[in-house]
Amino acid sequence: MQILSVLAALCTAFLVLMNYHNVTSINLLSKKFATLMNVSVHTLSFDLAIYTFVIFLLGMFSVIFFFAPLYKSLKDKYSAYKRELERGSITNTSAEAKINVLENKITVLEKALEDALKK
């Protein structure tokens, strides 16, 4: 995934360099609509390199703002799952310790019984 983002950034940089002095215009109000409304045509003219760079930045920010909540929720779920696993392993460890203690007590009691029976 990182390689795709690097390639996208390199392609954008290439487009910005190739279109540095090219001018583009965006119609805010088309000729047909302007004649219907009896107003003048409104256009924005600016450098195509700036336009390409701004579109690239807008795309990056939209992806970041779209996936940031998803990433945060997945990270929270992962940490909760990790805590649950740790809690389970601690419970298993304490249960195993209790079993070992009981086995040792049984061993001691068996030995004491054998000693008592021998006497």
PDB file of N, CA and C in Angstrom:
ATOM      1  N   MET A   1       0.824  -1.197   0.000  1.00  0.00           N
ATOM      2  CA  MET A   1       0.000   0.000   0.000  1.00  0.00           C
ATOM      3  C   MET A   1       0.863   1.254   0.000  1.00  0.00           C
ATOM      4  N   GLN A   2       1.963   1.195   0.701  1.00  0.00           N
ATOM      5  CA  GLN A   2       2.824   2.369   0.747  1.00  0.00           C
ATOM      6  C   GLN A   2       3.436   2.646  -0.614  1.00  0.00           C
ATOM      7  N   ILE A   3       3.709   1.603  -1.360  1.00  0.00           N
ATOM      8  CA  ILE A   3       4.303   1.804  -2.673  1.00  0.00           C
ATOM      9  C   ILE A   3       3.325   2.525  -3.594  1.00  0.00           C
ATOM     10  N   LEU A   4       2.024   2.226  -3.447  1.00  0.00           N
ATOM     11  CA  LEU A   4       1.026   2.915  -4.263  1.00  0.00           C
ATOM     12  C   LEU A   4       0.955   4.395  -3.918  1.00  0.00           C
ATOM     13  N   SER A   5       1.046   4.712  -2.638  1.00  0.00           N
ATOM     14  CA  SER A   5       0.993   6.118  -2.252  1.00  0.00           C
ATOM     15  C   SER A   5       2.244   6.861  -2.725  1.00  0.00           C
ATOM     16  N   VAL A   6       3.387   6.205  -2.688  1.00  0.00           N
ATOM     17  CA  VAL A   6       4.614   6.838  -3.187  1.00  0.00           C
ATOM     18  C   VAL A   6       4.515   7.051  -4.693  1.00  0.00           C
ATOM     19  N   LEU A   7       3.997   6.048  -5.409  1.00  0.00           N
ATOM     20  CA  LEU A   7       3.827   6.203  -6.861  1.00  0.00           C
ATOM     21  C   LEU A   7       2.836   7.316  -7.197  1.00  0.00           C
ATOM     22  N   ALA A   8       1.762   7.429  -6.421  1.00  0.00           N
ATOM     23  CA  ALA A   8       0.795   8.500  -6.654  1.00  0.00           C
ATOM     24  C   ALA A   8       1.436   9.863  -6.416  1.00  0.00           C
ATOM     25  N   ALA A   9       2.238   9.974  -5.373  1.00  0.00           N
ATOM     26  CA  ALA A   9       2.923  11.242  -5.095  1.00  0.00           C
ATOM     27  C   ALA A   9       3.925  11.578  -6.201  1.00  0.00           C
ATOM     28  N   LEU A  10       4.636  10.577  -6.695  1.00  0.00           N
ATOM     29  CA  LEU A  10       5.590  10.825  -7.783  1.00  0.00           C
ATOM     30  C   LEU A  10       4.888  11.219  -9.074  1.00  0.00           C
ATOM     31  N   CYS A  11       3.769  10.576  -9.377  1.00  0.00           N
ATOM     32  CA  CYS A  11       2.999  10.942 -10.579  1.00  0.00           C
ATOM     33  C   CYS A  11       2.462  12.364 -10.466  1.00  0.00           C
ATOM     34  N   THR A  12       2.005  12.719  -9.285  1.00  0.00           N
ATOM     35  CA  THR A  12       1.511  14.082  -9.080  1.00  0.00           C
ATOM     36  C   THR A  12       2.637  15.092  -9.225  1.00  0.00           C
ATOM     37  N   ALA A  13       3.798  14.783  -8.660  1.00  0.00           N
ATOM     38  CA  ALA A  13       4.945  15.684  -8.807  1.00  0.00           C
ATOM     39  C   ALA A  13       5.339  15.822 -10.277  1.00  0.00           C
ATOM     40  N   PHE A  14       5.292  14.730 -11.015  1.00  0.00           N
ATOM     41  CA  PHE A  14       5.599  14.784 -12.442  1.00  0.00           C
ATOM     42  C   PHE A  14       4.595  15.662 -13.185  1.00  0.00           C
ATOM     43  N   LEU A  15       3.309  15.490 -12.891  1.00  0.00           N
ATOM     44  CA  LEU A  15       2.286  16.318 -13.536  1.00  0.00           C
ATOM     45  C   LEU A  15       2.445  17.790 -13.187  1.00  0.00           C
ATOM     46  N   VAL A  16       2.791  18.057 -11.942  1.00  0.00           N
ATOM     47  CA  VAL A  16       2.991  19.454 -11.533  1.00  0.00           C
ATOM     48  C   VAL A  16       4.161  20.061 -12.285  1.00  0.00           C
ATOM     49  N   LEU A  17       5.252  19.324 -12.421  1.00  0.00           N
ATOM     50  CA  LEU A  17       6.419  19.849 -13.132  1.00  0.00           C
ATOM     51  C   LEU A  17       6.146  20.027 -14.627  1.00  0.00           C
ATOM     52  N   MET A  18       5.423  19.109 -15.234  1.00  0.00           N
ATOM     53  CA  MET A  18       5.155  19.182 -16.667  1.00  0.00           C
ATOM     54  C   MET A  18       4.154  20.288 -17.018  1.00  0.00           C
ATOM     55  N   ASN A  19       3.269  20.626 -16.105  1.00  0.00           N
ATOM     56  CA  ASN A  19       2.233  21.617 -16.398  1.00  0.00           C
ATOM     57  C   ASN A  19       2.431  22.905 -15.624  1.00  0.00           C
ATOM     58  N   TYR A  20       3.683  23.257 -15.376  1.00  0.00           N
ATOM     59  CA  TYR A  20       3.943  24.414 -14.518  1.00  0.00           C
ATOM     60  C   TYR A  20       3.432  25.717 -15.103  1.00  0.00           C
ATOM     61  N   HIS A  21       3.628  25.944 -16.380  1.00  0.00           N
ATOM     62  CA  HIS A  21       3.213  27.228 -16.966  1.00  0.00           C
ATOM     63  C   HIS A  21       1.947  27.123 -17.812  1.00  0.00           C
ATOM     64  N   ASN A  22       1.283  26.005 -17.787  1.00  0.00           N
ATOM     65  CA  ASN A  22       0.019  25.874 -18.501  1.00  0.00           C
ATOM     66  C   ASN A  22      -1.106  26.476 -17.670  1.00  0.00           C
ATOM     67  N   VAL A  23      -2.005  27.171 -18.344  1.00  0.00           N
ATOM     68  CA  VAL A  23      -3.103  27.838 -17.648  1.00  0.00           C
ATOM     69  C   VAL A  23      -4.394  27.093 -17.948  1.00  0.00           C
ATOM     70  N   THR A  24      -5.208  26.931 -16.928  1.00  0.00           N
ATOM     71  CA  THR A  24      -6.517  26.307 -17.094  1.00  0.00           C
ATOM     72  C   THR A  24      -7.570  27.243 -16.527  1.00  0.00           C
ATOM     73  N   SER A  25      -8.785  27.045 -16.967  1.00  0.00           N
ATOM     74  CA  SER A  25      -9.869  27.879 -16.439  1.00  0.00           C
ATOM     75  C   SER A  25     -11.051  26.984 -16.090  1.00  0.00           C
ATOM     76  N   ILE A  26     -11.731  27.370 -15.041  1.00  0.00           N
ATOM     77  CA  ILE A  26     -12.920  26.652 -14.593  1.00  0.00           C
ATOM     78  C   ILE A  26     -14.095  27.605 -14.696  1.00  0.00           C
ATOM     79  N   ASN A  27     -15.150  27.149 -15.353  1.00  0.00           N
ATOM     80  CA  ASN A  27     -16.351  27.973 -15.486  1.00  0.00           C
ATOM     81  C   ASN A  27     -17.204  27.837 -14.230  1.00  0.00           C
ATOM     82  N   LEU A  28     -17.412  28.938 -13.557  1.00  0.00           N
ATOM     83  CA  LEU A  28     -18.324  28.936 -12.426  1.00  0.00           C
ATOM     84  C   LEU A  28     -19.754  29.136 -12.902  1.00  0.00           C
ATOM     85  N   LEU A  29     -19.882  29.841 -14.018  1.00  0.00           N
ATOM     86  CA  LEU A  29     -21.189  30.088 -14.596  1.00  0.00           C
ATOM     87  C   LEU A  29     -21.026  29.962 -16.113  1.00  0.00           C
ATOM     88  N   SER A  30     -21.672  28.965 -16.721  1.00  0.00           N
ATOM     89  CA  SER A  30     -21.479  28.700 -18.137  1.00  0.00           C
ATOM     90  C   SER A  30     -22.139  29.791 -18.991  1.00  0.00           C
ATOM     91  N   LYS A  31     -21.778  29.815 -20.281  1.00  0.00           N
ATOM     92  CA  LYS A  31     -22.316  30.825 -21.197  1.00  0.00           C
ATOM     93  C   LYS A  31     -23.821  30.673 -21.365  1.00  0.00           C
ATOM     94  N   LYS A  32     -24.297  29.438 -21.511  1.00  0.00           N
ATOM     95  CA  LYS A  32     -25.737  29.224 -21.701  1.00  0.00           C
ATOM     96  C   LYS A  32     -26.531  29.671 -20.488  1.00  0.00           C
ATOM     97  N   PHE A  33     -26.045  29.302 -19.309  1.00  0.00           N
ATOM     98  CA  PHE A  33     -26.760  29.684 -18.095  1.00  0.00           C
ATOM     99  C   PHE A  33     -26.676  31.194 -17.864  1.00  0.00           C
ATOM    100  N   ALA A  34     -25.532  31.780 -18.204  1.00  0.00           N
ATOM    101  CA  ALA A  34     -25.377  33.222 -18.027  1.00  0.00           C
ATOM    102  C   ALA A  34     -26.308  33.999 -18.955  1.00  0.00           C
ATOM    103  N   THR A  35     -26.476  33.538 -20.202  1.00  0.00           N
ATOM    104  CA  THR A  35     -27.404  34.226 -21.107  1.00  0.00           C
ATOM    105  C   THR A  35     -28.850  34.052 -20.649  1.00  0.00           C
ATOM    106  N   LEU A  36     -29.192  32.915 -20.101  1.00  0.00           N
ATOM    107  CA  LEU A  36     -30.547  32.720 -19.571  1.00  0.00           C
ATOM    108  C   LEU A  36     -30.824  33.646 -18.383  1.00  0.00           C
ATOM    109  N   MET A  37     -29.829  33.841 -17.545  1.00  0.00           N
ATOM    110  CA  MET A  37     -30.005  34.653 -16.342  1.00  0.00           C
ATOM    111  C   MET A  37     -29.647  36.127 -16.566  1.00  0.00           C
ATOM    112  N   ASN A  38     -29.155  36.457 -17.750  1.00  0.00           N
ATOM    113  CA  ASN A  38     -28.731  37.821 -18.086  1.00  0.00           C
ATOM    114  C   ASN A  38     -27.643  38.346 -17.149  1.00  0.00           C
ATOM    115  N   VAL A  39     -26.640  37.495 -16.901  1.00  0.00           N
ATOM    116  CA  VAL A  39     -25.478  37.900 -16.105  1.00  0.00           C
ATOM    117  C   VAL A  39     -24.233  37.565 -16.896  1.00  0.00           C
ATOM    118  N   SER A  40     -23.095  38.064 -16.422  1.00  0.00           N
ATOM    119  CA  SER A  40     -21.851  37.809 -17.139  1.00  0.00           C
ATOM    120  C   SER A  40     -21.297  36.423 -16.762  1.00  0.00           C
ATOM    121  N   VAL A  41     -20.468  35.905 -17.648  1.00  0.00           N
ATOM    122  CA  VAL A  41     -19.855  34.593 -17.450  1.00  0.00           C
ATOM    123  C   VAL A  41     -18.746  34.736 -16.413  1.00  0.00           C
ATOM    124  N   HIS A  42     -18.708  33.815 -15.452  1.00  0.00           N
ATOM    125  CA  HIS A  42     -17.672  33.842 -14.419  1.00  0.00           C
ATOM    126  C   HIS A  42     -16.766  32.633 -14.593  1.00  0.00           C
ATOM    127  N   THR A  43     -15.476  32.893 -14.749  1.00  0.00           N
ATOM    128  CA  THR A  43     -14.482  31.819 -14.871  1.00  0.00           C
ATOM    129  C   THR A  43     -13.314  32.120 -13.948  1.00  0.00           C
ATOM    130  N   LEU A  44     -12.661  31.066 -13.515  1.00  0.00           N
ATOM    131  CA  LEU A  44     -11.418  31.176 -12.746  1.00  0.00           C
ATOM    132  C   LEU A  44     -10.293  30.656 -13.616  1.00  0.00           C
ATOM    133  N   SER A  45      -9.240  31.422 -13.758  1.00  0.00           N
ATOM    134  CA  SER A  45      -8.076  30.984 -14.527  1.00  0.00           C
ATOM    135  C   SER A  45      -6.874  30.926 -13.596  1.00  0.00           C
ATOM    136  N   PHE A  46      -6.202  29.799 -13.607  1.00  0.00           N
ATOM    137  CA  PHE A  46      -5.004  29.658 -12.786  1.00  0.00           C
ATOM    138  C   PHE A  46      -4.110  28.583 -13.377  1.00  0.00           C
ATOM    139  N   ASP A  47      -2.945  28.437 -12.774  1.00  0.00           N
ATOM    140  CA  ASP A  47      -1.933  27.517 -13.263  1.00  0.00           C
ATOM    141  C   ASP A  47      -2.392  26.068 -13.075  1.00  0.00           C
ATOM    142  N   LEU A  48      -2.193  25.238 -14.076  1.00  0.00           N
ATOM    143  CA  LEU A  48      -2.608  23.837 -14.009  1.00  0.00           C
ATOM    144  C   LEU A  48      -1.812  23.065 -12.964  1.00  0.00           C
ATOM    145  N   ALA A  49      -0.572  23.450 -12.724  1.00  0.00           N
ATOM    146  CA  ALA A  49       0.234  22.775 -11.710  1.00  0.00           C
ATOM    147  C   ALA A  49      -0.361  22.986 -10.320  1.00  0.00           C
ATOM    148  N   ILE A  50      -0.797  24.198 -10.039  1.00  0.00           N
ATOM    149  CA  ILE A  50      -1.414  24.486  -8.742  1.00  0.00           C
ATOM    150  C   ILE A  50      -2.724  23.715  -8.622  1.00  0.00           C
ATOM    151  N   TYR A  51      -3.489  23.678  -9.703  1.00  0.00           N
ATOM    152  CA  TYR A  51      -4.755  22.934  -9.712  1.00  0.00           C
ATOM    153  C   TYR A  51      -4.512  21.453  -9.413  1.00  0.00           C
ATOM    154  N   THR A  52      -3.517  20.863 -10.074  1.00  0.00           N
ATOM    155  CA  THR A  52      -3.198  19.451  -9.852  1.00  0.00           C
ATOM    156  C   THR A  52      -2.771  19.218  -8.411  1.00  0.00           C
ATOM    157  N   PHE A  53      -1.924  20.088  -7.886  1.00  0.00           N
ATOM    158  CA  PHE A  53      -1.433  19.936  -6.516  1.00  0.00           C
ATOM    159  C   PHE A  53      -2.569  20.081  -5.499  1.00  0.00           C
ATOM    160  N   VAL A  54      -3.465  21.030  -5.730  1.00  0.00           N
ATOM    161  CA  VAL A  54      -4.596  21.225  -4.814  1.00  0.00           C
ATOM    162  C   VAL A  54      -5.530  20.020  -4.842  1.00  0.00           C
ATOM    163  N   ILE A  55      -5.792  19.476  -6.025  1.00  0.00           N
ATOM    164  CA  ILE A  55      -6.642  18.284  -6.128  1.00  0.00           C
ATOM    165  C   ILE A  55      -5.990  17.105  -5.406  1.00  0.00           C
ATOM    166  N   PHE A  56      -4.672  16.962  -5.541  1.00  0.00           N
ATOM    167  CA  PHE A  56      -3.956  15.894  -4.849  1.00  0.00           C
ATOM    168  C   PHE A  56      -4.069  16.054  -3.335  1.00  0.00           C
ATOM    169  N   LEU A  57      -3.871  17.267  -2.838  1.00  0.00           N
ATOM    170  CA  LEU A  57      -3.984  17.509  -1.398  1.00  0.00           C
ATOM    171  C   LEU A  57      -5.399  17.272  -0.890  1.00  0.00           C
ATOM    172  N   LEU A  58      -6.381  17.705  -1.662  1.00  0.00           N
ATOM    173  CA  LEU A  58      -7.772  17.456  -1.258  1.00  0.00           C
ATOM    174  C   LEU A  58      -8.076  15.963  -1.196  1.00  0.00           C
ATOM    175  N   GLY A  59      -7.547  15.210  -2.141  1.00  0.00           N
ATOM    176  CA  GLY A  59      -7.723  13.759  -2.117  1.00  0.00           C
ATOM    177  C   GLY A  59      -7.068  13.132  -0.901  1.00  0.00           C
ATOM    178  N   MET A  60      -5.870  13.585  -0.566  1.00  0.00           N
ATOM    179  CA  MET A  60      -5.185  13.053   0.611  1.00  0.00           C
ATOM    180  C   MET A  60      -5.964  13.360   1.884  1.00  0.00           C
ATOM    181  N   PHE A  61      -6.412  14.605   2.023  1.00  0.00           N
ATOM    182  CA  PHE A  61      -7.149  14.983   3.232  1.00  0.00           C
ATOM    183  C   PHE A  61      -8.476  14.240   3.327  1.00  0.00           C
ATOM    184  N   SER A  62      -9.148  14.046   2.205  1.00  0.00           N
ATOM    185  CA  SER A  62     -10.415  13.322   2.265  1.00  0.00           C
ATOM    186  C   SER A  62     -10.198  11.868   2.685  1.00  0.00           C
ATOM    187  N   VAL A  63      -9.135  11.242   2.209  1.00  0.00           N
ATOM    188  CA  VAL A  63      -8.831   9.870   2.617  1.00  0.00           C
ATOM    189  C   VAL A  63      -8.473   9.828   4.094  1.00  0.00           C
ATOM    190  N   ILE A  64      -7.675  10.782   4.542  1.00  0.00           N
ATOM    191  CA  ILE A  64      -7.291  10.821   5.958  1.00  0.00           C
ATOM    192  C   ILE A  64      -8.512  11.006   6.834  1.00  0.00           C
ATOM    193  N   PHE A  65      -9.376  11.953   6.500  1.00  0.00           N
ATOM    194  CA  PHE A  65     -10.548  12.207   7.331  1.00  0.00           C
ATOM    195  C   PHE A  65     -11.582  11.090   7.226  1.00  0.00           C
ATOM    196  N   PHE A  66     -11.586  10.346   6.131  1.00  0.00           N
ATOM    197  CA  PHE A  66     -12.516   9.238   5.985  1.00  0.00           C
ATOM    198  C   PHE A  66     -12.045   8.019   6.778  1.00  0.00           C
ATOM    199  N   PHE A  67     -10.743   7.713   6.702  1.00  0.00           N
ATOM    200  CA  PHE A  67     -10.240   6.495   7.327  1.00  0.00           C
ATOM    201  C   PHE A  67      -9.730   6.677   8.748  1.00  0.00           C
ATOM    202  N   ALA A  68      -9.530   7.892   9.210  1.00  0.00           N
ATOM    203  CA  ALA A  68      -9.038   8.098  10.579  1.00  0.00           C
ATOM    204  C   ALA A  68     -10.001   7.544  11.630  1.00  0.00           C
ATOM    205  N   PRO A  69     -11.315   7.797  11.548  1.00  0.00           N
ATOM    206  CA  PRO A  69     -12.206   7.194  12.548  1.00  0.00           C
ATOM    207  C   PRO A  69     -12.224   5.665  12.479  1.00  0.00           C
ATOM    208  N   LEU A  70     -12.157   5.120  11.279  1.00  0.00           N
ATOM    209  CA  LEU A  70     -12.117   3.668  11.125  1.00  0.00           C
ATOM    210  C   LEU A  70     -10.848   3.097  11.755  1.00  0.00           C
ATOM    211  N   TYR A  71      -9.718   3.738  11.511  1.00  0.00           N
ATOM    212  CA  TYR A  71      -8.445   3.295  12.081  1.00  0.00           C
ATOM    213  C   TYR A  71      -8.480   3.370  13.603  1.00  0.00           C
ATOM    214  N   LYS A  72      -9.049   4.453  14.133  1.00  0.00           N
ATOM    215  CA  LYS A  72      -9.107   4.623  15.583  1.00  0.00           C
ATOM    216  C   LYS A  72      -9.996   3.561  16.222  1.00  0.00           C
ATOM    217  N   SER A  73     -11.139   3.273  15.610  1.00  0.00           N
ATOM    218  CA  SER A  73     -12.029   2.258  16.181  1.00  0.00           C
ATOM    219  C   SER A  73     -11.383   0.872  16.111  1.00  0.00           C
ATOM    220  N   LEU A  74     -10.702   0.558  15.013  1.00  0.00           N
ATOM    221  CA  LEU A  74     -10.019  -0.728  14.922  1.00  0.00           C
ATOM    222  C   LEU A  74      -8.883  -0.833  15.931  1.00  0.00           C
ATOM    223  N   LYS A  75      -8.182   0.272  16.156  1.00  0.00           N
ATOM    224  CA  LYS A  75      -7.099   0.283  17.140  1.00  0.00           C
ATOM    225  C   LYS A  75      -7.656   0.075  18.545  1.00  0.00           C
ATOM    226  N   ASP A  76      -8.786   0.709  18.864  1.00  0.00           N
ATOM    227  CA  ASP A  76      -9.424   0.521  20.169  1.00  0.00           C
ATOM    228  C   ASP A  76      -9.884  -0.924  20.350  1.00  0.00           C
ATOM    229  N   LYS A  77     -10.487  -1.501  19.313  1.00  0.00           N
ATOM    230  CA  LYS A  77     -10.928  -2.893  19.393  1.00  0.00           C
ATOM    231  C   LYS A  77      -9.742  -3.839  19.573  1.00  0.00           C
ATOM    232  N   TYR A  78      -8.652  -3.554  18.886  1.00  0.00           N
ATOM    233  CA  TYR A  78      -7.456  -4.387  19.006  1.00  0.00           C
ATOM    234  C   TYR A  78      -6.892  -4.323  20.415  1.00  0.00           C
ATOM    235  N   SER A  79      -6.822  -3.124  20.986  1.00  0.00           N
ATOM    236  CA  SER A  79      -6.277  -3.003  22.346  1.00  0.00           C
ATOM    237  C   SER A  79      -7.207  -3.671  23.365  1.00  0.00           C
ATOM    238  N   ALA A  80      -8.534  -3.575  23.159  1.00  0.00           N
ATOM    239  CA  ALA A  80      -9.465  -4.250  24.062  1.00  0.00           C
ATOM    240  C   ALA A  80      -9.303  -5.768  23.950  1.00  0.00           C
ATOM    241  N   TYR A  81      -9.149  -6.276  22.741  1.00  0.00           N
ATOM    242  CA  TYR A  81      -8.944  -7.707  22.530  1.00  0.00           C
ATOM    243  C   TYR A  81      -7.636  -8.160  23.173  1.00  0.00           C
ATOM    244  N   LYS A  82      -6.606  -7.341  23.055  1.00  0.00           N
ATOM    245  CA  LYS A  82      -5.307  -7.660  23.652  1.00  0.00           C
ATOM    246  C   LYS A  82      -5.413  -7.713  25.176  1.00  0.00           C
ATOM    247  N   ARG A  83      -6.134  -6.758  25.770  1.00  0.00           N
ATOM    248  CA  ARG A  83      -6.339  -6.768  27.223  1.00  0.00           C
ATOM    249  C   ARG A  83      -7.107  -8.014  27.653  1.00  0.00           C
ATOM    250  N   GLU A  84      -8.104  -8.395  26.858  1.00  0.00           N
ATOM    251  CA  GLU A  84      -8.890  -9.586  27.184  1.00  0.00           C
ATOM    252  C   GLU A  84      -8.025 -10.841  27.139  1.00  0.00           C
ATOM    253  N   LEU A  85      -7.158 -10.935  26.151  1.00  0.00           N
ATOM    254  CA  LEU A  85      -6.242 -12.079  26.077  1.00  0.00           C
ATOM    255  C   LEU A  85      -5.290 -12.099  27.261  1.00  0.00           C
ATOM    256  N   GLU A  86      -4.770 -10.930  27.642  1.00  0.00           N
ATOM    257  CA  GLU A  86      -3.878 -10.863  28.802  1.00  0.00           C
ATOM    258  C   GLU A  86      -4.624 -11.277  30.065  1.00  0.00           C
ATOM    259  N   ARG A  87      -5.860 -10.820  30.214  1.00  0.00           N
ATOM    260  CA  ARG A  87      -6.665 -11.176  31.373  1.00  0.00           C
ATOM    261  C   ARG A  87      -6.901 -12.677  31.413  1.00  0.00           C
ATOM    262  N   GLY A  88      -7.181 -13.269  30.251  1.00  0.00           N
ATOM    263  CA  GLY A  88      -7.392 -14.709  30.178  1.00  0.00           C
ATOM    264  C   GLY A  88      -6.137 -15.487  30.505  1.00  0.00           C
ATOM    265  N   SER A  89      -4.992 -15.011  30.029  1.00  0.00           N
ATOM    266  CA  SER A  89      -3.740 -15.715  30.315  1.00  0.00           C
ATOM    267  C   SER A  89      -3.378 -15.599  31.790  1.00  0.00           C
ATOM    268  N   ILE A  90      -3.690 -14.462  32.409  1.00  0.00           N
ATOM    269  CA  ILE A  90      -3.438 -14.306  33.846  1.00  0.00           C
ATOM    270  C   ILE A  90      -4.332 -15.255  34.627  1.00  0.00           C
ATOM    271  N   THR A  91      -5.589 -15.380  34.214  1.00  0.00           N
ATOM    272  CA  THR A  91      -6.518 -16.294  34.882  1.00  0.00           C
ATOM    273  C   THR A  91      -6.036 -17.731  34.743  1.00  0.00           C
ATOM    274  N   ASN A  92      -5.591 -18.096  33.542  1.00  0.00           N
ATOM    275  CA  ASN A  92      -5.065 -19.448  33.333  1.00  0.00           C
ATOM    276  C   ASN A  92      -3.817 -19.687  34.163  1.00  0.00           C
ATOM    277  N   THR A  93      -2.955 -18.688  34.254  1.00  0.00           N
ATOM    278  CA  THR A  93      -1.735 -18.818  35.031  1.00  0.00           C
ATOM    279  C   THR A  93      -2.053 -18.984  36.512  1.00  0.00           C
ATOM    280  N   SER A  94      -2.997 -18.194  37.011  1.00  0.00           N
ATOM    281  CA  SER A  94      -3.351 -18.320  38.429  1.00  0.00           C
ATOM    282  C   SER A  94      -4.042 -19.654  38.694  1.00  0.00           C
ATOM    283  N   ALA A  95      -4.855 -20.148  37.760  1.00  0.00           N
ATOM    284  CA  ALA A  95      -5.492 -21.454  37.924  1.00  0.00           C
ATOM    285  C   ALA A  95      -4.445 -22.563  37.924  1.00  0.00           C
ATOM    286  N   GLU A  96      -3.467 -22.452  37.046  1.00  0.00           N
ATOM    287  CA  GLU A  96      -2.393 -23.443  37.010  1.00  0.00           C
ATOM    288  C   GLU A  96      -1.592 -23.422  38.302  1.00  0.00           C
ATOM    289  N   ALA A  97      -1.363 -22.240  38.852  1.00  0.00           N
ATOM    290  CA  ALA A  97      -0.633 -22.129  40.118  1.00  0.00           C
ATOM    291  C   ALA A  97      -1.426 -22.788  41.245  1.00  0.00           C
ATOM    292  N   LYS A  98      -2.738 -22.565  41.270  1.00  0.00           N
ATOM    293  CA  LYS A  98      -3.578 -23.196  42.294  1.00  0.00           C
ATOM    294  C   LYS A  98      -3.556 -24.712  42.145  1.00  0.00           C
ATOM    295  N   ILE A  99      -3.590 -25.205  40.940  1.00  0.00           N
ATOM    296  CA  ILE A  99      -3.536 -26.650  40.700  1.00  0.00           C
ATOM    297  C   ILE A  99      -2.214 -27.215  41.198  1.00  0.00           C
ATOM    298  N   ASN A 100      -1.118 -26.507  40.908  1.00  0.00           N
ATOM    299  CA  ASN A 100       0.197 -26.967  41.372  1.00  0.00           C
ATOM    300  C   ASN A 100       0.259 -27.008  42.892  1.00  0.00           C
ATOM    301  N   VAL A 101      -0.298 -25.991  43.544  1.00  0.00           N
ATOM    302  CA  VAL A 101      -0.311 -25.958  45.005  1.00  0.00           C
ATOM    303  C   VAL A 101      -1.109 -27.137  45.544  1.00  0.00           C
ATOM    304  N   LEU A 102      -2.272 -27.403  44.959  1.00  0.00           N
ATOM    305  CA  LEU A 102      -3.093 -28.534  45.413  1.00  0.00           C
ATOM    306  C   LEU A 102      -2.390 -29.871  45.174  1.00  0.00           C
ATOM    307  N   GLU A 103      -1.719 -30.024  44.038  1.00  0.00           N
ATOM    308  CA  GLU A 103      -0.975 -31.255  43.772  1.00  0.00           C
ATOM    309  C   GLU A 103       0.133 -31.449  44.793  1.00  0.00           C
ATOM    310  N   ASN A 104       0.828 -30.356  45.136  1.00  0.00           N
ATOM    311  CA  ASN A 104       1.886 -30.447  46.152  1.00  0.00           C
ATOM    312  C   ASN A 104       1.298 -30.829  47.512  1.00  0.00           C
ATOM    313  N   LYS A 105       0.138 -30.256  47.847  1.00  0.00           N
ATOM    314  CA  LYS A 105      -0.502 -30.605  49.121  1.00  0.00           C
ATOM    315  C   LYS A 105      -0.901 -32.076  49.133  1.00  0.00           C
ATOM    316  N   ILE A 106      -1.428 -32.577  48.011  1.00  0.00           N
ATOM    317  CA  ILE A 106      -1.817 -33.983  47.926  1.00  0.00           C
ATOM    318  C   ILE A 106      -0.584 -34.878  48.092  1.00  0.00           C
ATOM    319  N   THR A 107       0.506 -34.488  47.452  1.00  0.00           N
ATOM    320  CA  THR A 107       1.745 -35.258  47.566  1.00  0.00           C
ATOM    321  C   THR A 107       2.215 -35.301  49.011  1.00  0.00           C
ATOM    322  N   VAL A 108       2.182 -34.164  49.675  1.00  0.00           N
ATOM    323  CA  VAL A 108       2.602 -34.103  51.079  1.00  0.00           C
ATOM    324  C   VAL A 108       1.681 -34.952  51.948  1.00  0.00           C
ATOM    325  N   LEU A 109       0.374 -34.863  51.711  1.00  0.00           N
ATOM    326  CA  LEU A 109      -0.577 -35.658  52.495  1.00  0.00           C
ATOM    327  C   LEU A 109      -0.394 -37.157  52.243  1.00  0.00           C
ATOM    328  N   GLU A 110      -0.126 -37.553  50.997  1.00  0.00           N
ATOM    329  CA  GLU A 110       0.107 -38.966  50.690  1.00  0.00           C
ATOM    330  C   GLU A 110       1.350 -39.476  51.408  1.00  0.00           C
ATOM    331  N   LYS A 111       2.399 -38.659  51.412  1.00  0.00           N
ATOM    332  CA  LYS A 111       3.638 -39.059  52.090  1.00  0.00           C
ATOM    333  C   LYS A 111       3.401 -39.155  53.595  1.00  0.00           C
ATOM    334  N   ALA A 112       2.641 -38.188  54.135  1.00  0.00           N
ATOM    335  CA  ALA A 112       2.354 -38.232  55.573  1.00  0.00           C
ATOM    336  C   ALA A 112       1.510 -39.459  55.913  1.00  0.00           C
ATOM    337  N   LEU A 113       0.571 -39.824  55.040  1.00  0.00           N
ATOM    338  CA  LEU A 113      -0.252 -41.010  55.263  1.00  0.00           C
ATOM    339  C   LEU A 113       0.593 -42.277  55.216  1.00  0.00           C
ATOM    340  N   GLU A 114       1.510 -42.346  54.250  1.00  0.00           N
ATOM    341  CA  GLU A 114       2.388 -43.512  54.150  1.00  0.00           C
ATOM    342  C   GLU A 114       3.262 -43.630  55.395  1.00  0.00           C
ATOM    343  N   ASP A 115       3.804 -42.489  55.848  1.00  0.00           N
ATOM    344  CA  ASP A 115       4.628 -42.497  57.061  1.00  0.00           C
ATOM    345  C   ASP A 115       3.800 -42.926  58.275  1.00  0.00           C
ATOM    346  N   ALA A 116       2.552 -42.463  58.334  1.00  0.00           N
ATOM    347  CA  ALA A 116       1.696 -42.816  59.472  1.00  0.00           C
ATOM    348  C   ALA A 116       1.341 -44.298  59.430  1.00  0.00           C
ATOM    349  N   LEU A 117       1.133 -44.828  58.214  1.00  0.00           N
ATOM    350  CA  LEU A 117       0.793 -46.253  58.089  1.00  0.00           C
ATOM    351  C   LEU A 117       1.979 -47.158  58.430  1.00  0.00           C
ATOM    352  N   LYS A 118       3.182 -46.690  58.147  1.00  0.00           N
ATOM    353  CA  LYS A 118       4.387 -47.472  58.447  1.00  0.00           C
ATOM    354  C   LYS A 118       4.604 -47.558  59.962  1.00  0.00           C
ATOM    355  N   LYS A 119       4.215 -46.538  60.688  1.00  0.00           N
ATOM    356  CA  LYS A 119       4.427 -46.519  62.131  1.00  0.00           C
ATOM    357  C   LYS A 119       3.351 -47.326  62.761  1.00  0.00           C
TER     358      LYS A 119
END
